[in-house]
Amino acid sequence: MARTPTRTPARTPALGSGRARGPALLRRLPGQARIALVAGIAALVLFGAGAWWLFQHVRAYADVTSDNRAYELSAQLAAQSAAGSEIVGDPLRGWPLIQIDRKGRTVAAAGGTQYLTGLKALLPPPPAPPPRRATGGPQWGKVHLGAVDEREHDRFHRPDGTLKPPPAGNTTAEQKALLAHRQAHDLAHRTLTVFATAVHTPASACRLPTEADGSCRSTLYVLVPSADAELAAEPLRTPLMAGVPLAALLVAALAWTAARRSLRPVEAIRREVAEITDTSLDRRVPVPDARDPVRRLALTTNTTLDRLETAVEARHRFVADASHELRSPVAALRYELETALAHPDTVDAHETLRHALTATRRLHALTEDLLLLARPDRPAARSLVDLAGLAAELVHEYRHHGHPVSLRSGPDPAPVRGDGAQLHRLLRNLLDNAVRHARTAVVLDVTTDGRAHTVTVHNDGTPLAPDEYELVFERFTRLDEARTRDAGGSGLGLAIARDIAERHGGTLTAASDHPHPGTTFTLVLPGSA
């Protein structure tokens, strides 16, 4: 039996995918294209709204003008009819009108009203006649006209059904009828404003009496063609429809040009940054003269390049200094081991191992210091540490080892927020440095002002020169070259101490009181909040 193939249902796109596709496509456009597109759309909306308002304003003004003219025409023609004169309509505009007496007879008609079917039933009811005047005031209303009376179709239409062309003149009755029929086609099935005026013609001037005394009472209807307002606004249609898109395109082109000129400095910055490598970090991007965000971008980029160049240079120096410092203990260790292997009978094994262990310890300490300095500057731990207690413990330890360290009276306690192990190392490094350079005494002091705690470590050794106050905190700096490397330290202790102080939001400085002997290191840390 043949197997009926199954139809895989069509996959329905996710809801909102169509809406999201538009913004995604817009984001892929170049920046100046997006600016030009947004500016063009905004200009199109604004100019379009302005053009629509202008067109509607002109139409509304034309409507008001037409209504005023119809009001005046109604009063004028009603006065003529009350005087017994024949109504010929508006000689300038040929507006449609019709006059109907109280018996429903058509007294006068013009403008095609005589060829509209059922017009009398569609017109508003006649207004109340004036009690003592010949005419009343015109009252306005709305009327929806019907179809054209086509009982004389062959008289006004061609064999193909189209209307006969308008006459060159309208002097004959036939020409007038043809023009009125064409006007009826323009009025058919439209809603127009109509002004109704009550007319009282005395018996002496009345031809078709409607009253017992021989006078005539009728209603004059003047219709306001809607085409008048359209014709008044029509000259604006083409210029506005053509001008609005052209103006929007012009705005988009100007926005494109302005955006492209504004982004030229950005492109220059991009090209310069793209050409900068690790061997050309001294290059800088051009800074435009204009005081705008592009200038700030260029200045920020150059500042970042300055920091990057400084960091790379510091890293290169650090690697070179580290390699130089590691070379000595490695060379000493290699020498001891090679000598022991080459002359096993003449070398004291115990002494060789002791020297090798000393070199290994120095190598281990140096490696630990390098690892500490190479770590990123992450914030320290936020535990509560008592500086006064920590200082007292270290002074007791150094005295136990025979070092001349004393502690002045300080606050008890002096709490700070930070990493206890790192702060312990900071103070130990300061004391180690002071003990190495002191002649007779090292004094440690802890003071506070309520908001910050200050720790000073003073040694009475050779004072530092003013140009050495910052130099001592650089890595691998040894000012006393006469000292041996083992006695002089690795040159990283003070650099590590300042690094720890800065990680805890504090400062570490050095100063000497010339000509008095000695150097004082001052540590300031914020108190615990």
Protein backbone atom coordinates (compact mmCIF):
# COMPACT_ATOMS: atom_id res chain seq x y z
CA MET A 1 0.00 0.00 0.00
CA ALA A 2 1.36 3.41 -0.97
CA ARG A 3 2.40 5.57 1.92
CA THR A 4 0.74 8.99 2.14
CA PRO A 5 3.38 11.69 2.31
CA THR A 6 3.24 13.84 5.40
CA ARG A 7 3.31 17.60 5.07
CA THR A 8 5.71 19.49 7.25
CA PRO A 9 3.93 22.43 8.81
CA ALA A 10 5.22 25.83 7.82
CA ARG A 11 7.31 27.47 10.46
CA THR A 12 5.63 30.55 11.84
CA PRO A 13 7.95 33.47 12.43
CA ALA A 14 8.35 34.54 16.01
CA LEU A 15 6.18 37.36 17.22
CA GLY A 16 7.95 40.67 16.88
CA SER A 17 10.64 39.36 14.50
CA GLY A 18 9.43 41.71 11.78
CA ARG A 19 9.57 44.66 14.11
CA ALA A 20 13.05 43.71 15.32
CA ARG A 21 14.37 43.28 11.76
CA GLY A 22 13.91 46.98 11.03
CA PRO A 23 16.06 48.32 13.91
CA ALA A 24 18.70 45.65 13.22
CA LEU A 25 18.91 46.72 9.59
CA LEU A 26 19.09 50.36 10.68
CA ARG A 27 21.96 49.57 13.06
CA ARG A 28 23.94 47.99 10.21
CA LEU A 29 23.87 51.22 8.21
CA PRO A 30 26.85 53.61 8.41
CA GLY A 31 26.56 56.36 10.99
CA GLN A 32 26.18 59.18 8.47
CA ALA A 33 23.55 57.18 6.59
CA ARG A 34 21.52 56.71 9.80
CA ILE A 35 21.78 60.42 10.59
CA ALA A 36 20.73 61.38 7.06
CA LEU A 37 17.85 58.88 7.12
CA VAL A 38 16.55 60.05 10.47
CA ALA A 39 16.90 63.72 9.46
CA GLY A 40 15.13 63.06 6.14
CA ILE A 41 12.26 61.21 7.82
CA ALA A 42 11.92 63.91 10.48
CA ALA A 43 11.95 66.63 7.82
CA LEU A 44 9.39 64.71 5.76
CA VAL A 45 7.09 64.39 8.76
CA LEU A 46 7.49 68.02 9.84
CA PHE A 47 7.24 69.50 6.35
CA GLY A 48 4.36 67.18 5.51
CA ALA A 49 2.49 68.24 8.63
CA GLY A 50 3.17 71.88 7.80
CA ALA A 51 2.01 71.43 4.21
CA TRP A 52 -1.14 69.63 5.35
CA TRP A 53 -1.87 72.42 7.84
CA LEU A 54 -1.34 75.08 5.16
CA PHE A 55 -3.56 73.25 2.68
CA GLN A 56 -6.32 72.80 5.26
CA HIS A 57 -5.96 76.40 6.41
CA VAL A 58 -6.40 77.66 2.85
CA ARG A 59 -9.41 75.40 2.36
CA ALA A 60 -10.95 76.52 5.64
CA TYR A 61 -10.36 80.15 4.74
CA ALA A 62 -11.92 79.55 1.33
CA ASP A 63 -14.91 77.87 3.00
CA VAL A 64 -15.41 80.83 5.32
CA THR A 65 -15.07 83.24 2.41
CA SER A 66 -17.58 81.24 0.37
CA ASP A 67 -20.03 81.12 3.26
CA ASN A 68 -19.77 84.86 3.74
CA ARG A 69 -20.28 85.42 0.04
CA ALA A 70 -23.28 83.08 0.03
CA TYR A 71 -24.80 84.93 2.99
CA GLU A 72 -24.42 88.27 1.25
CA LEU A 73 -25.71 86.83 -2.03
CA SER A 74 -28.75 85.36 -0.28
CA ALA A 75 -29.67 88.71 1.26
CA GLN A 76 -29.05 90.52 -2.03
CA LEU A 77 -31.08 88.17 -4.21
CA ALA A 78 -33.88 87.96 -1.64
CA ALA A 79 -34.15 91.76 -1.71
CA GLN A 80 -34.32 91.70 -5.52
CA SER A 81 -37.05 89.07 -5.43
CA ALA A 82 -39.03 91.03 -2.81
CA ALA A 83 -38.86 94.07 -5.13
CA GLY A 84 -40.24 92.02 -8.01
CA SER A 85 -37.01 91.87 -9.99
CA GLU A 86 -36.00 88.72 -11.82
CA ILE A 87 -33.31 86.64 -10.09
CA VAL A 88 -30.45 85.89 -12.46
CA GLY A 89 -28.04 84.39 -9.89
CA ASP A 90 -24.46 85.32 -9.22
CA PRO A 91 -23.05 86.81 -12.42
CA LEU A 92 -19.42 86.16 -11.31
CA ARG A 93 -19.51 82.62 -9.96
CA GLY A 94 -22.77 81.16 -11.23
CA TRP A 95 -23.61 79.59 -7.87
CA PRO A 96 -26.58 77.20 -7.78
CA LEU A 97 -29.81 78.55 -6.33
CA ILE A 98 -33.49 77.77 -6.35
CA GLN A 99 -36.55 79.73 -5.18
CA ILE A 100 -39.66 77.79 -4.12
CA ASP A 101 -42.94 79.41 -3.14
CA ARG A 102 -45.30 78.22 -0.42
CA LYS A 103 -47.25 76.09 -2.91
CA GLY A 104 -44.11 74.16 -3.91
CA ARG A 105 -43.70 75.83 -7.28
CA THR A 106 -40.25 76.70 -8.59
CA VAL A 107 -40.08 80.46 -9.02
CA ALA A 108 -36.44 80.63 -10.16
CA ALA A 109 -33.51 78.21 -10.59
CA ALA A 110 -29.89 78.56 -11.67
CA GLY A 111 -26.60 76.69 -11.57
CA GLY A 112 -28.03 73.28 -12.43
CA THR A 113 -30.53 72.93 -9.56
CA GLN A 114 -33.36 72.56 -12.07
CA TYR A 115 -31.84 69.25 -13.27
CA LEU A 116 -31.49 67.57 -9.85
CA THR A 117 -34.10 64.96 -8.97
CA GLY A 118 -36.10 65.34 -5.76
CA LEU A 119 -34.30 68.51 -4.76
CA LYS A 120 -37.34 70.08 -3.10
CA ALA A 121 -37.75 67.18 -0.70
CA LEU A 122 -34.05 67.25 0.21
CA LEU A 123 -33.81 70.95 1.05
CA PRO A 124 -34.12 72.11 4.70
CA PRO A 125 -37.56 73.30 5.77
CA PRO A 126 -38.21 76.97 4.96
CA PRO A 127 -37.53 79.45 7.75
CA ALA A 128 -40.32 81.39 9.42
CA PRO A 129 -41.41 84.41 7.32
CA PRO A 130 -40.63 87.84 8.73
CA PRO A 131 -43.68 89.55 10.29
CA ARG A 132 -43.18 93.09 8.97
CA ARG A 133 -40.23 92.90 6.60
CA ALA A 134 -39.91 91.86 2.99
CA THR A 135 -37.05 89.38 3.68
CA GLY A 136 -35.76 87.49 6.68
CA GLY A 137 -32.20 86.80 7.69
CA PRO A 138 -30.44 83.95 5.82
CA GLN A 139 -30.26 80.71 7.82
CA TRP A 140 -27.77 78.03 6.90
CA GLY A 141 -27.93 74.23 6.90
CA LYS A 142 -26.63 71.14 5.09
CA VAL A 143 -28.14 69.25 2.19
CA HIS A 144 -27.08 66.00 0.53
CA LEU A 145 -28.08 66.25 -3.14
CA GLY A 146 -29.42 63.40 -5.21
CA ALA A 147 -28.87 62.27 -8.78
CA VAL A 148 -29.26 64.19 -12.07
CA ASP A 149 -32.52 64.06 -13.98
CA GLU A 150 -31.60 62.25 -17.21
CA ARG A 151 -35.03 62.23 -18.91
CA GLU A 152 -33.52 64.33 -21.70
CA HIS A 153 -30.42 62.20 -21.97
CA ASP A 154 -29.95 62.57 -25.72
CA ARG A 155 -30.22 66.35 -25.46
CA PHE A 156 -27.18 66.66 -23.19
CA HIS A 157 -25.10 63.56 -23.94
CA ARG A 158 -23.19 62.23 -26.91
CA PRO A 159 -24.00 58.85 -28.41
CA ASP A 160 -21.15 57.29 -26.39
CA GLY A 161 -22.75 58.53 -23.14
CA THR A 162 -20.32 61.37 -22.36
CA LEU A 163 -21.49 64.91 -21.76
CA LYS A 164 -21.45 67.33 -24.63
CA PRO A 165 -18.68 69.91 -24.43
CA PRO A 166 -19.42 73.24 -22.77
CA PRO A 167 -20.64 75.93 -25.12
CA ALA A 168 -18.41 78.75 -26.31
CA GLY A 169 -21.03 81.26 -25.14
CA ASN A 170 -24.22 81.06 -23.13
CA THR A 171 -26.51 83.50 -24.93
CA THR A 172 -29.03 81.05 -26.31
CA ALA A 173 -31.47 79.05 -24.22
CA GLU A 174 -30.01 75.77 -25.47
CA GLN A 175 -26.50 76.78 -24.50
CA LYS A 176 -27.70 77.85 -21.06
CA ALA A 177 -29.50 74.51 -20.58
CA LEU A 178 -26.40 72.55 -21.60
CA LEU A 179 -24.25 74.51 -19.13
CA ALA A 180 -26.82 74.01 -16.35
CA HIS A 181 -26.92 70.25 -17.00
CA ARG A 182 -23.15 70.04 -16.70
CA GLN A 183 -23.33 71.99 -13.44
CA ALA A 184 -25.96 69.53 -12.16
CA HIS A 185 -23.50 66.66 -12.72
CA ASP A 186 -20.93 68.54 -10.62
CA LEU A 187 -23.45 68.93 -7.78
CA ALA A 188 -24.93 65.42 -7.80
CA HIS A 189 -24.43 63.23 -4.70
CA ARG A 190 -22.55 65.94 -2.76
CA THR A 191 -23.17 67.42 0.68
CA LEU A 192 -23.28 71.19 0.43
CA THR A 193 -23.95 74.16 2.67
CA VAL A 194 -27.22 75.91 1.86
CA PHE A 195 -28.53 79.33 2.95
CA ALA A 196 -32.32 79.69 3.13
CA THR A 197 -33.99 83.13 3.15
CA ALA A 198 -37.71 83.84 3.52
CA VAL A 199 -39.02 86.30 0.85
CA HIS A 200 -42.33 88.30 0.86
CA THR A 201 -43.19 89.90 -2.48
CA PRO A 202 -46.08 92.42 -2.42
CA ALA A 203 -49.14 91.91 -4.63
CA SER A 204 -48.11 94.72 -6.93
CA ALA A 205 -44.90 92.85 -7.91
CA CYS A 206 -46.08 89.24 -7.53
CA ARG A 207 -46.71 87.19 -10.68
CA LEU A 208 -47.78 83.90 -9.01
CA PRO A 209 -49.69 84.87 -5.84
CA THR A 210 -49.67 82.46 -2.91
CA GLU A 211 -51.57 84.56 -0.38
CA ALA A 212 -55.21 85.74 -0.26
CA ASP A 213 -54.14 89.38 -0.65
CA GLY A 214 -52.31 88.59 -3.93
CA SER A 215 -48.80 88.66 -2.46
CA CYS A 216 -46.16 85.95 -2.77
CA ARG A 217 -44.30 84.13 -0.04
CA SER A 218 -41.32 81.97 -1.04
CA THR A 219 -37.96 80.64 0.16
CA LEU A 220 -34.70 81.38 -1.64
CA TYR A 221 -32.02 78.66 -1.34
CA VAL A 222 -28.43 79.49 -2.26
CA LEU A 223 -26.09 76.49 -2.37
CA VAL A 224 -22.32 76.84 -1.72
CA PRO A 225 -20.39 74.53 -4.08
CA SER A 226 -17.61 72.61 -2.31
CA ALA A 227 -15.55 72.91 -5.46
CA ASP A 228 -14.90 76.58 -4.64
CA ALA A 229 -12.80 75.70 -1.60
CA GLU A 230 -11.06 72.91 -3.50
CA LEU A 231 -10.32 75.23 -6.41
CA ALA A 232 -8.91 77.82 -4.01
CA ALA A 233 -6.50 75.27 -2.46
CA GLU A 234 -5.78 73.34 -5.65
CA PRO A 235 -2.91 75.61 -6.80
CA LEU A 236 -1.05 74.63 -3.61
CA ARG A 237 -1.42 70.88 -4.08
CA THR A 238 1.25 70.30 -6.71
CA PRO A 239 3.92 72.62 -5.19
CA LEU A 240 3.39 71.11 -1.75
CA MET A 241 3.38 67.49 -2.93
CA ALA A 242 6.56 68.08 -4.92
CA GLY A 243 8.21 70.50 -2.51
CA VAL A 244 7.88 68.47 0.68
CA PRO A 245 9.83 65.40 -0.59
CA LEU A 246 12.42 67.64 -2.24
CA ALA A 247 12.87 69.60 0.98
CA ALA A 248 13.21 66.34 2.94
CA LEU A 249 15.81 65.10 0.46
CA LEU A 250 17.67 68.39 0.77
CA VAL A 251 17.68 68.11 4.57
CA ALA A 252 18.89 64.50 4.34
CA ALA A 253 21.67 65.55 1.95
CA LEU A 254 22.71 68.38 4.26
CA ALA A 255 22.63 66.01 7.26
CA TRP A 256 24.74 63.48 5.30
CA THR A 257 27.29 66.18 4.42
CA ALA A 258 27.39 67.60 7.94
CA ALA A 259 27.71 64.13 9.52
CA ARG A 260 30.45 63.16 7.07
CA ARG A 261 32.40 66.34 7.81
CA SER A 262 31.87 65.86 11.55
CA LEU A 263 33.12 62.27 11.39
CA ARG A 264 36.29 63.11 9.46
CA PRO A 265 38.27 63.70 12.68
CA VAL A 266 36.92 60.40 14.03
CA GLU A 267 38.17 58.63 10.91
CA ALA A 268 41.54 60.32 11.30
CA ILE A 269 41.66 59.12 14.92
CA ARG A 270 40.72 55.58 13.81
CA ARG A 271 43.45 55.48 11.14
CA GLU A 272 46.09 56.71 13.56
CA VAL A 273 45.09 54.23 16.28
CA ALA A 274 45.05 51.40 13.73
CA GLU A 275 48.68 52.14 12.80
CA ILE A 276 49.94 52.25 16.39
CA THR A 277 51.82 49.10 17.46
CA ASP A 278 53.88 48.14 20.49
CA THR A 279 56.93 49.66 18.79
CA SER A 280 55.26 53.02 18.03
CA LEU A 281 53.46 53.86 21.26
CA ASP A 282 54.88 57.40 21.11
CA ARG A 283 52.45 58.32 18.30
CA ARG A 284 49.35 60.35 19.16
CA VAL A 285 46.05 60.98 17.39
CA PRO A 286 45.30 64.43 15.91
CA VAL A 287 43.23 66.74 18.13
CA PRO A 288 40.66 68.88 16.23
CA ASP A 289 40.26 72.56 17.06
CA ALA A 290 36.48 72.41 17.56
CA ARG A 291 35.30 72.24 21.17
CA ASP A 292 33.07 69.21 20.72
CA PRO A 293 32.88 65.56 21.85
CA VAL A 294 35.29 64.55 19.05
CA ARG A 295 37.97 66.76 20.57
CA ARG A 296 37.32 65.22 23.99
CA LEU A 297 37.54 61.76 22.37
CA ALA A 298 40.92 62.64 20.86
CA LEU A 299 42.22 64.02 24.17
CA THR A 300 40.99 60.94 26.04
CA THR A 301 42.58 58.66 23.43
CA ASN A 302 45.92 60.46 23.77
CA THR A 303 45.69 60.26 27.56
CA THR A 304 45.00 56.53 27.29
CA LEU A 305 47.96 56.14 24.93
CA ASP A 306 50.13 58.03 27.43
CA ARG A 307 49.11 55.62 30.19
CA LEU A 308 49.62 52.64 27.88
CA GLU A 309 53.08 53.83 26.86
CA THR A 310 54.02 54.40 30.51
CA ALA A 311 52.68 50.98 31.49
CA VAL A 312 54.54 49.21 28.66
CA GLU A 313 57.77 51.01 29.48
CA ALA A 314 57.34 50.12 33.15
CA ARG A 315 56.69 46.50 32.20
CA HIS A 316 59.81 46.41 30.03
CA ARG A 317 61.87 47.90 32.84
CA PHE A 318 60.32 45.49 35.30
CA VAL A 319 61.16 42.49 33.11
CA ALA A 320 64.70 43.71 32.55
CA ASP A 321 65.26 44.46 36.24
CA ALA A 322 63.70 41.16 37.29
CA SER A 323 65.92 39.26 34.87
CA HIS A 324 68.94 41.11 36.21
CA GLU A 325 68.05 40.45 39.84
CA LEU A 326 67.31 36.77 39.25
CA ARG A 327 70.58 36.29 37.42
CA SER A 328 72.73 36.75 40.54
CA PRO A 329 71.18 34.08 42.84
CA VAL A 330 70.82 31.68 39.91
CA ALA A 331 74.48 32.23 38.95
CA ALA A 332 75.61 31.76 42.57
CA LEU A 333 73.59 28.57 42.91
CA ARG A 334 74.94 27.24 39.61
CA TYR A 335 78.50 28.06 40.63
CA GLU A 336 78.19 26.22 43.93
CA LEU A 337 76.67 23.14 42.29
CA GLU A 338 79.11 23.03 39.36
CA THR A 339 82.08 23.44 41.73
CA ALA A 340 80.80 20.61 43.92
CA LEU A 341 80.39 18.34 40.91
CA ALA A 342 83.75 19.24 39.39
CA HIS A 343 85.75 18.90 42.65
CA PRO A 344 83.86 16.57 44.94
CA ASP A 345 86.96 15.75 46.98
CA THR A 346 87.98 19.30 47.78
CA VAL A 347 84.55 20.80 48.52
CA ASP A 348 82.81 20.71 51.87
CA ALA A 349 79.41 19.24 51.09
CA HIS A 350 77.73 20.78 54.11
CA GLU A 351 79.07 24.25 53.29
CA THR A 352 78.07 23.87 49.64
CA LEU A 353 74.53 22.88 50.58
CA ARG A 354 74.29 25.80 53.00
CA HIS A 355 75.32 28.29 50.31
CA ALA A 356 72.92 26.66 47.85
CA LEU A 357 70.10 26.88 50.37
CA THR A 358 70.88 30.58 51.00
CA ALA A 359 70.75 31.28 47.26
CA THR A 360 67.53 29.29 46.94
CA ARG A 361 65.91 31.22 49.79
CA ARG A 362 66.90 34.51 48.21
CA LEU A 363 65.58 33.31 44.89
CA HIS A 364 62.30 32.23 46.51
CA ALA A 365 61.87 35.56 48.35
CA LEU A 366 62.63 37.50 45.19
CA THR A 367 60.14 35.43 43.21
CA GLU A 368 57.41 35.98 45.81
CA ASP A 369 58.03 39.74 45.71
CA LEU A 370 57.87 39.77 41.92
CA LEU A 371 54.61 37.82 41.94
CA LEU A 372 53.11 40.25 44.44
CA LEU A 373 54.03 43.28 42.32
CA ALA A 374 52.85 41.59 39.12
CA ARG A 375 49.34 40.98 40.46
CA PRO A 376 46.58 43.30 39.17
CA ASP A 377 45.51 46.17 41.44
CA ARG A 378 42.49 44.51 42.95
CA PRO A 379 41.00 46.01 46.13
CA ALA A 380 42.24 44.69 49.44
CA ALA A 381 40.14 42.70 51.91
CA ARG A 382 37.87 44.75 54.14
CA SER A 383 38.41 43.15 57.54
CA LEU A 384 39.02 45.28 60.63
CA VAL A 385 42.74 45.56 61.56
CA ASP A 386 44.24 47.35 64.59
CA LEU A 387 47.35 49.24 63.43
CA ALA A 388 48.45 50.00 66.99
CA GLY A 389 48.33 46.36 68.01
CA LEU A 390 50.08 45.27 64.81
CA ALA A 391 52.86 47.82 65.39
CA ALA A 392 53.31 46.68 69.01
CA GLU A 393 53.65 43.03 67.94
CA LEU A 394 56.31 43.87 65.34
CA VAL A 395 58.30 46.07 67.75
CA HIS A 396 58.30 43.23 70.31
CA GLU A 397 59.46 40.78 67.63
CA TYR A 398 62.30 43.01 66.42
CA ARG A 399 63.46 43.67 69.97
CA HIS A 400 63.48 39.92 70.57
CA HIS A 401 65.87 39.57 67.62
CA GLY A 402 68.15 42.27 68.99
CA HIS A 403 67.20 45.15 66.69
CA PRO A 404 67.06 48.71 68.17
CA VAL A 405 63.34 49.33 67.54
CA SER A 406 61.17 51.29 69.97
CA LEU A 407 57.48 52.29 69.97
CA ARG A 408 56.26 55.65 71.10
CA SER A 409 52.95 55.93 72.94
CA GLY A 410 50.11 55.62 70.38
CA PRO A 411 46.34 55.26 70.33
CA ASP A 412 44.87 52.01 71.43
CA PRO A 413 43.32 50.84 69.27
CA ALA A 414 43.81 52.40 65.75
CA PRO A 415 41.32 50.43 63.57
CA VAL A 416 41.46 50.43 59.77
CA ARG A 417 39.67 48.41 57.10
CA GLY A 418 41.93 46.19 55.03
CA ASP A 419 43.91 42.99 54.61
CA GLY A 420 45.74 42.13 57.84
CA ALA A 421 48.45 40.07 56.11
CA GLN A 422 49.23 42.83 53.62
CA LEU A 423 49.33 45.53 56.30
CA HIS A 424 51.63 43.31 58.38
CA ARG A 425 53.96 43.01 55.39
CA LEU A 426 53.83 46.77 54.81
CA LEU A 427 55.01 47.55 58.35
CA ARG A 428 57.59 44.76 58.26
CA ASN A 429 59.08 46.09 55.03
CA LEU A 430 59.32 49.58 56.53
CA LEU A 431 61.01 48.21 59.68
CA ASP A 432 63.41 46.01 57.65
CA ASN A 433 64.46 49.02 55.60
CA ALA A 434 64.87 51.19 58.73
CA VAL A 435 66.91 48.54 60.58
CA ARG A 436 69.29 48.13 57.59
CA HIS A 437 70.00 51.88 57.39
CA ALA A 438 69.85 52.85 61.09
CA ARG A 439 72.97 53.67 63.07
CA THR A 440 71.67 53.27 66.60
CA ALA A 441 67.86 53.42 66.79
CA VAL A 442 64.55 52.98 64.94
CA VAL A 443 61.44 54.69 66.31
CA LEU A 444 57.90 53.68 65.29
CA ASP A 445 54.98 55.98 66.15
CA VAL A 446 51.19 55.66 65.60
CA THR A 447 48.94 58.75 65.79
CA THR A 448 45.37 59.56 64.76
CA ASP A 449 43.15 62.59 64.17
CA GLY A 450 39.85 60.68 64.27
CA ARG A 451 39.51 60.31 60.49
CA ALA A 452 42.92 58.88 59.55
CA HIS A 453 45.74 56.99 61.25
CA THR A 454 49.40 57.92 60.70
CA VAL A 455 52.33 55.54 61.18
CA THR A 456 55.87 56.97 61.10
CA VAL A 457 59.08 54.90 61.01
CA HIS A 458 62.26 56.90 61.66
CA ASN A 459 65.87 55.69 61.44
CA ASP A 460 68.92 57.75 62.43
CA GLY A 461 71.03 56.67 59.48
CA THR A 462 72.25 58.69 56.51
CA PRO A 463 69.46 61.05 55.41
CA LEU A 464 68.00 60.90 51.93
CA ALA A 465 68.53 63.70 49.46
CA PRO A 466 65.37 65.49 48.27
CA ASP A 467 65.69 63.97 44.80
CA GLU A 468 65.74 60.49 46.39
CA TYR A 469 62.38 60.80 48.20
CA GLU A 470 60.51 59.18 45.31
CA LEU A 471 63.41 57.23 43.88
CA VAL A 472 63.51 54.86 46.86
CA PHE A 473 60.00 53.61 46.04
CA GLU A 474 60.97 52.49 42.54
CA ARG A 475 61.53 48.82 41.99
CA PHE A 476 65.07 47.41 42.35
CA THR A 477 66.41 50.70 43.72
CA ARG A 478 69.49 50.52 45.99
CA LEU A 479 71.04 53.78 47.03
CA ASP A 480 73.87 52.20 49.06
CA GLU A 481 75.80 50.26 46.42
CA ALA A 482 78.57 49.46 48.91
CA ARG A 483 76.29 47.01 50.68
CA THR A 484 76.20 43.39 49.64
CA ARG A 485 73.07 42.17 47.93
CA ASP A 486 72.18 39.93 50.83
CA ALA A 487 72.45 42.78 53.33
CA GLY A 488 70.92 45.39 51.07
CA GLY A 489 67.74 43.55 50.26
CA SER A 490 66.14 42.90 46.89
CA GLY A 491 65.18 46.51 46.18
CA LEU A 492 61.47 45.65 46.18
CA GLY A 493 60.50 46.15 49.83
CA LEU A 494 59.56 49.84 49.66
CA ALA A 495 57.87 49.42 46.27
CA ILE A 496 55.72 46.65 47.74
CA ALA A 497 54.97 48.78 50.82
CA ARG A 498 53.72 51.72 48.71
CA ASP A 499 51.69 49.35 46.51
CA ILE A 500 49.93 47.92 49.60
CA ALA A 501 49.31 51.43 50.98
CA GLU A 502 47.70 52.58 47.74
CA ARG A 503 45.52 49.46 47.60
CA HIS A 504 44.19 50.41 51.02
CA GLY A 505 43.43 53.98 49.94
CA GLY A 506 46.41 55.44 51.78
CA THR A 507 49.76 57.11 51.05
CA LEU A 508 53.39 56.33 51.84
CA THR A 509 56.07 59.05 51.61
CA ALA A 510 59.68 59.56 52.66
CA ALA A 511 61.38 62.70 54.02
CA SER A 512 64.58 63.76 55.81
CA ASP A 513 65.11 66.66 58.22
CA HIS A 514 68.40 68.12 56.99
CA PRO A 515 70.94 68.54 58.43
CA HIS A 516 69.76 66.25 61.22
CA PRO A 517 70.55 62.58 60.61
CA GLY A 518 67.93 60.06 59.67
CA THR A 519 64.96 59.45 57.37
CA THR A 520 61.27 59.22 58.24
CA PHE A 521 58.72 57.13 56.30
CA THR A 522 55.11 58.27 56.84
CA LEU A 523 52.13 55.98 56.23
CA VAL A 524 48.61 57.51 56.28
CA LEU A 525 45.57 55.20 56.13
CA PRO A 526 41.88 56.15 56.43
CA GLY A 527 40.20 55.08 59.66
CA SER A 528 37.38 52.55 59.73
CA ALA A 529 33.98 54.10 58.98
